[in-house]
């Protein structure tokens, strides 16, 4: 079964726009679990423009579902005296997803070059796995990059699905092809498989139908946007329906 992990960054963005604690990010994480989400994802960035390092720490003891923390292991908080690696090792989530975000980017926009960064990723993966944390590497639908990711010792890869989502309306059969190929390579390499970025109620069911062995999808922007109209409980139920179709 493919699990739904809800990325709650956008909830923190709304809170931060006014200060204070409305909406309550911690309660929202708990409510997502209560309404059926099988995971919570956060992606703290050094400027803490949405999820703060303090949020990431506070969420862990409040939820019983899988906790996934995304980010660039090179990131250093601008408000706390330590970096992303220190944060993850203190929290010990179920999973850490390594994302090669450059500082100041609006959103994640590329996967790792696992050839150029092979030695570095090997070291980071080893460090997290020594703490008992499952590791996933954010990656483009590129078979060679996935094969090289497997050599780092990572447990999973997360397919960067922006190109699938952007091409879906023009022809979903063509849009999904490179992702099916990449998913098969990951499976052949013995890697678990996650996916995320711009997956939505429009395109999720077809993605899941074509790649039913995907372990987890992490969805934030579209899901939170849908919740403005549908409410978060109904929205989570609809996303779960896409995965159960």
Protein backbone atom coordinates (compact mmCIF):
# COMPACT_ATOMS: atom_id res chain seq x y z
CA UNK A 1 0.00 0.00 0.00
CA UNK A 2 1.27 3.46 -0.88
CA UNK A 3 1.26 5.73 2.17
CA UNK A 4 0.19 9.37 2.14
CA UNK A 5 2.54 11.74 3.96
CA UNK A 6 1.19 15.27 4.30
CA UNK A 7 3.73 18.06 3.96
CA UNK A 8 2.59 20.83 6.32
CA UNK A 9 5.04 23.55 5.27
CA UNK A 10 2.29 25.71 3.73
CA UNK A 11 0.40 25.76 7.03
CA UNK A 12 3.49 27.26 8.65
CA UNK A 13 3.74 29.78 5.80
CA UNK A 14 0.26 31.09 6.63
CA UNK A 15 1.08 31.26 10.34
CA UNK A 16 4.33 33.12 9.73
CA UNK A 17 2.61 35.71 7.55
CA UNK A 18 0.96 37.23 10.63
CA UNK A 19 3.04 36.02 13.54
CA UNK A 20 1.41 34.37 16.52
CA UNK A 21 0.23 30.80 16.35
CA UNK A 22 -2.70 30.82 13.93
CA UNK A 23 -3.03 28.34 12.35
CA UNK A 24 -1.52 26.02 14.94
CA UNK A 25 1.02 23.93 13.04
CA UNK A 26 1.37 21.33 15.78
CA UNK A 27 -2.39 20.77 16.06
CA UNK A 28 -2.63 20.60 12.27
CA UNK A 29 -0.08 17.77 12.21
CA UNK A 30 -2.10 15.89 14.81
CA UNK A 31 -5.33 16.49 12.90
CA UNK A 32 -3.82 15.14 9.68
CA UNK A 33 -3.02 11.93 11.52
CA UNK A 34 -6.50 11.84 13.05
CA UNK A 35 -8.07 12.19 9.59
CA UNK A 36 -6.09 9.29 8.14
CA UNK A 37 -2.71 10.54 6.91
CA UNK A 38 -0.06 7.87 7.35
CA UNK A 39 2.83 10.31 7.63
CA UNK A 40 3.80 13.92 8.31
CA UNK A 41 6.51 15.65 6.28
CA UNK A 42 8.32 18.89 7.07
CA UNK A 43 11.02 20.65 5.10
CA UNK A 44 12.82 23.19 7.29
CA UNK A 45 15.02 25.61 5.39
CA UNK A 46 17.82 27.75 6.83
CA UNK A 47 15.76 30.95 6.66
CA UNK A 48 12.85 29.19 8.43
CA UNK A 49 10.36 30.96 6.18
CA UNK A 50 7.81 28.24 6.80
CA UNK A 51 8.58 25.28 9.09
CA UNK A 52 10.97 26.34 11.83
CA UNK A 53 13.53 24.14 13.48
CA UNK A 54 11.53 24.51 16.70
CA UNK A 55 8.42 23.19 14.91
CA UNK A 56 10.31 20.16 13.66
CA UNK A 57 11.44 19.37 17.20
CA UNK A 58 8.00 19.89 18.73
CA UNK A 59 6.08 17.72 16.25
CA UNK A 60 7.94 14.45 16.92
CA UNK A 61 6.39 13.56 20.32
CA UNK A 62 2.89 14.60 19.21
CA UNK A 63 2.36 12.15 16.35
CA UNK A 64 2.28 8.39 16.03
CA UNK A 65 2.58 8.12 12.25
CA UNK A 66 5.82 8.18 10.30
CA UNK A 67 7.73 11.44 10.50
CA UNK A 68 9.72 12.49 7.43
CA UNK A 69 12.12 15.44 7.54
CA UNK A 70 13.32 16.78 4.19
CA UNK A 71 16.17 19.12 3.52
CA UNK A 72 19.69 19.81 2.38
CA UNK A 73 22.18 18.24 4.79
CA UNK A 74 24.43 21.25 4.23
CA UNK A 75 21.78 23.63 5.57
CA UNK A 76 22.57 25.73 8.65
CA UNK A 77 19.76 27.42 10.58
CA UNK A 78 19.92 31.20 10.79
CA UNK A 79 18.19 31.20 14.18
CA UNK A 80 19.72 28.21 15.97
CA UNK A 81 23.35 27.21 16.57
CA UNK A 82 23.25 24.03 14.51
CA UNK A 83 22.41 22.67 11.10
CA UNK A 84 20.08 20.25 9.36
CA UNK A 85 22.12 17.16 10.22
CA UNK A 86 22.19 18.11 13.91
CA UNK A 87 18.42 18.69 13.87
CA UNK A 88 17.62 15.33 12.29
CA UNK A 89 19.96 13.43 14.61
CA UNK A 90 18.35 15.09 17.64
CA UNK A 91 14.82 14.23 16.49
CA UNK A 92 15.52 10.75 15.01
CA UNK A 93 12.51 10.69 12.66
CA UNK A 94 11.44 7.55 10.83
CA UNK A 95 12.88 8.97 7.62
CA UNK A 96 15.13 11.73 6.37
CA UNK A 97 14.89 12.80 2.72
CA UNK A 98 18.02 14.43 1.34
CA UNK A 99 17.18 17.30 -1.03
CA UNK A 100 19.85 19.38 -2.84
CA UNK A 101 18.15 22.75 -2.28
CA UNK A 102 20.26 25.79 -2.97
CA UNK A 103 19.83 28.53 -0.38
CA UNK A 104 17.11 30.96 -1.34
CA UNK A 105 15.25 28.74 -3.83
CA UNK A 106 11.47 29.10 -3.78
CA UNK A 107 10.90 25.35 -3.84
CA UNK A 108 12.81 22.16 -4.61
CA UNK A 109 13.63 22.15 -8.31
CA UNK A 110 16.05 19.29 -9.02
CA UNK A 111 17.23 15.96 -7.75
CA UNK A 112 20.75 15.03 -6.70
CA UNK A 113 23.56 14.41 -9.13
CA UNK A 114 24.53 11.13 -7.49
CA UNK A 115 27.67 10.81 -9.64
CA UNK A 116 29.20 14.15 -8.74
CA UNK A 117 28.07 13.92 -5.10
CA UNK A 118 28.66 10.20 -4.61
CA UNK A 119 31.30 10.42 -1.85
CA UNK A 120 29.42 13.12 0.05
CA UNK A 121 26.12 11.26 -0.07
CA UNK A 122 27.79 8.05 1.07
CA UNK A 123 29.05 9.84 4.18
CA UNK A 124 25.70 11.48 4.97
CA UNK A 125 23.70 8.30 4.40
CA UNK A 126 26.05 6.36 6.66
CA UNK A 127 25.76 8.98 9.40
CA UNK A 128 21.96 8.94 9.43
CA UNK A 129 21.64 5.17 9.14
CA UNK A 130 23.95 4.79 12.13
CA UNK A 131 21.24 6.60 14.11
CA UNK A 132 18.56 4.18 12.92
CA UNK A 133 16.99 6.66 10.48
CA UNK A 134 15.74 5.47 7.09
CA UNK A 135 17.29 7.55 4.30
CA UNK A 136 15.73 8.61 1.00
CA UNK A 137 17.47 10.59 -1.75
CA UNK A 138 15.46 13.09 -3.81
CA UNK A 139 16.20 12.35 -7.44
CA UNK A 140 15.14 12.98 -11.02
CA UNK A 141 13.63 10.16 -13.09
CA UNK A 142 17.07 9.28 -14.44
CA UNK A 143 17.98 5.57 -14.37
CA UNK A 144 21.72 6.15 -14.12
CA UNK A 145 21.34 8.57 -11.22
CA UNK A 146 19.15 6.02 -9.45
CA UNK A 147 21.72 3.26 -9.98
CA UNK A 148 24.38 5.52 -8.51
CA UNK A 149 22.10 6.44 -5.63
CA UNK A 150 21.90 2.76 -4.75
CA UNK A 151 25.68 2.74 -4.34
CA UNK A 152 25.45 5.31 -1.53
CA UNK A 153 23.70 2.81 0.75
CA UNK A 154 20.43 4.76 0.80
CA UNK A 155 17.25 2.87 1.64
CA UNK A 156 14.99 4.67 -0.81
CA UNK A 157 14.86 7.28 -3.53
CA UNK A 158 12.13 9.89 -3.93
CA UNK A 159 11.21 10.65 -7.53
CA UNK A 160 10.93 14.37 -8.27
CA UNK A 161 7.58 14.41 -10.05
CA UNK A 162 7.29 18.04 -11.25
CA UNK A 163 7.74 17.12 -14.91
CA UNK A 164 5.09 14.41 -14.68
CA UNK A 165 2.62 16.89 -13.19
CA UNK A 166 3.39 19.66 -15.69
CA UNK A 167 3.05 17.33 -18.69
CA UNK A 168 0.04 15.39 -17.41
CA UNK A 169 -2.67 17.44 -19.11
CA UNK A 170 -0.95 17.25 -22.51
CA UNK A 171 -0.73 13.44 -22.38
CA UNK A 172 -0.49 11.38 -19.24
CA UNK A 173 0.80 8.26 -21.02
CA UNK A 174 3.90 10.09 -22.22
CA UNK A 175 4.28 12.00 -18.97
CA UNK A 176 4.44 8.85 -16.86
CA UNK A 177 6.83 6.84 -19.07
CA UNK A 178 10.15 8.05 -17.64
CA UNK A 179 8.82 7.57 -14.13
CA UNK A 180 7.75 3.99 -14.72
CA UNK A 181 11.19 3.26 -16.16
CA UNK A 182 12.90 4.96 -13.21
CA UNK A 183 10.68 3.15 -10.72
CA UNK A 184 11.56 -0.20 -12.26
CA UNK A 185 15.27 0.60 -12.04
CA UNK A 186 14.87 1.53 -8.36
CA UNK A 187 13.06 -1.75 -7.71
CA UNK A 188 15.74 -3.73 -9.55
CA UNK A 189 18.38 -2.00 -7.42
CA UNK A 190 16.58 -3.09 -4.26
CA UNK A 191 15.57 0.45 -3.32
CA UNK A 192 12.33 1.54 -1.74
CA UNK A 193 10.44 4.18 -3.70
CA UNK A 194 8.86 7.49 -2.71
CA UNK A 195 7.52 10.27 -4.91
CA UNK A 196 6.65 13.91 -4.52
CA UNK A 197 6.30 17.43 -5.95
CA UNK A 198 3.13 18.74 -7.59
CA UNK A 199 1.20 15.50 -7.19
CA UNK A 200 -2.49 16.38 -6.88
CA UNK A 201 -6.04 15.09 -7.01
CA UNK A 202 -5.83 15.46 -10.78
CA UNK A 203 -2.79 13.28 -11.39
CA UNK A 204 -2.20 11.11 -8.31
CA UNK A 205 -4.54 8.21 -9.08
CA UNK A 206 -2.98 7.60 -12.50
CA UNK A 207 0.54 7.81 -11.06
CA UNK A 208 -0.40 5.20 -8.49
CA UNK A 209 -2.06 2.95 -11.06
CA UNK A 210 1.10 2.91 -13.15
CA UNK A 211 3.54 2.56 -10.23
CA UNK A 212 1.57 0.70 -7.54
CA UNK A 213 4.71 -0.42 -5.70
CA UNK A 214 5.54 3.15 -4.65
CA UNK A 215 5.99 3.13 -0.86
CA UNK A 216 5.03 6.72 -0.12
CA UNK A 217 3.91 9.97 -1.70
CA UNK A 218 4.66 13.25 0.03
CA UNK A 219 2.17 15.99 -0.89
CA UNK A 220 1.94 19.51 0.44
CA UNK A 221 1.12 22.47 -1.79
CA UNK A 222 -1.77 20.94 -3.75
CA UNK A 223 -3.22 19.19 -0.72
CA UNK A 224 -3.23 22.29 1.48
CA UNK A 225 -4.67 24.33 -1.40
CA UNK A 226 -7.48 21.80 -1.85
CA UNK A 227 -8.18 21.97 1.87
CA UNK A 228 -9.07 25.67 1.54
CA UNK A 229 -12.14 24.56 -0.41
CA UNK A 230 -12.84 21.07 0.90
CA UNK A 231 -11.56 21.16 4.47
CA UNK A 232 -8.56 19.12 5.57
CA UNK A 233 -10.49 16.00 6.60
CA UNK A 234 -12.31 15.65 3.28
CA UNK A 235 -9.15 16.49 1.37
CA UNK A 236 -7.11 13.77 3.07
CA UNK A 237 -9.90 11.27 2.41
CA UNK A 238 -9.90 12.17 -1.29
CA UNK A 239 -6.14 11.75 -1.59
CA UNK A 240 -6.35 8.40 0.17
CA UNK A 241 -9.08 7.39 -2.28
CA UNK A 242 -6.64 8.09 -5.13
CA UNK A 243 -4.22 5.65 -3.54
CA UNK A 244 -6.86 3.02 -2.88
CA UNK A 245 -8.49 3.11 -6.31
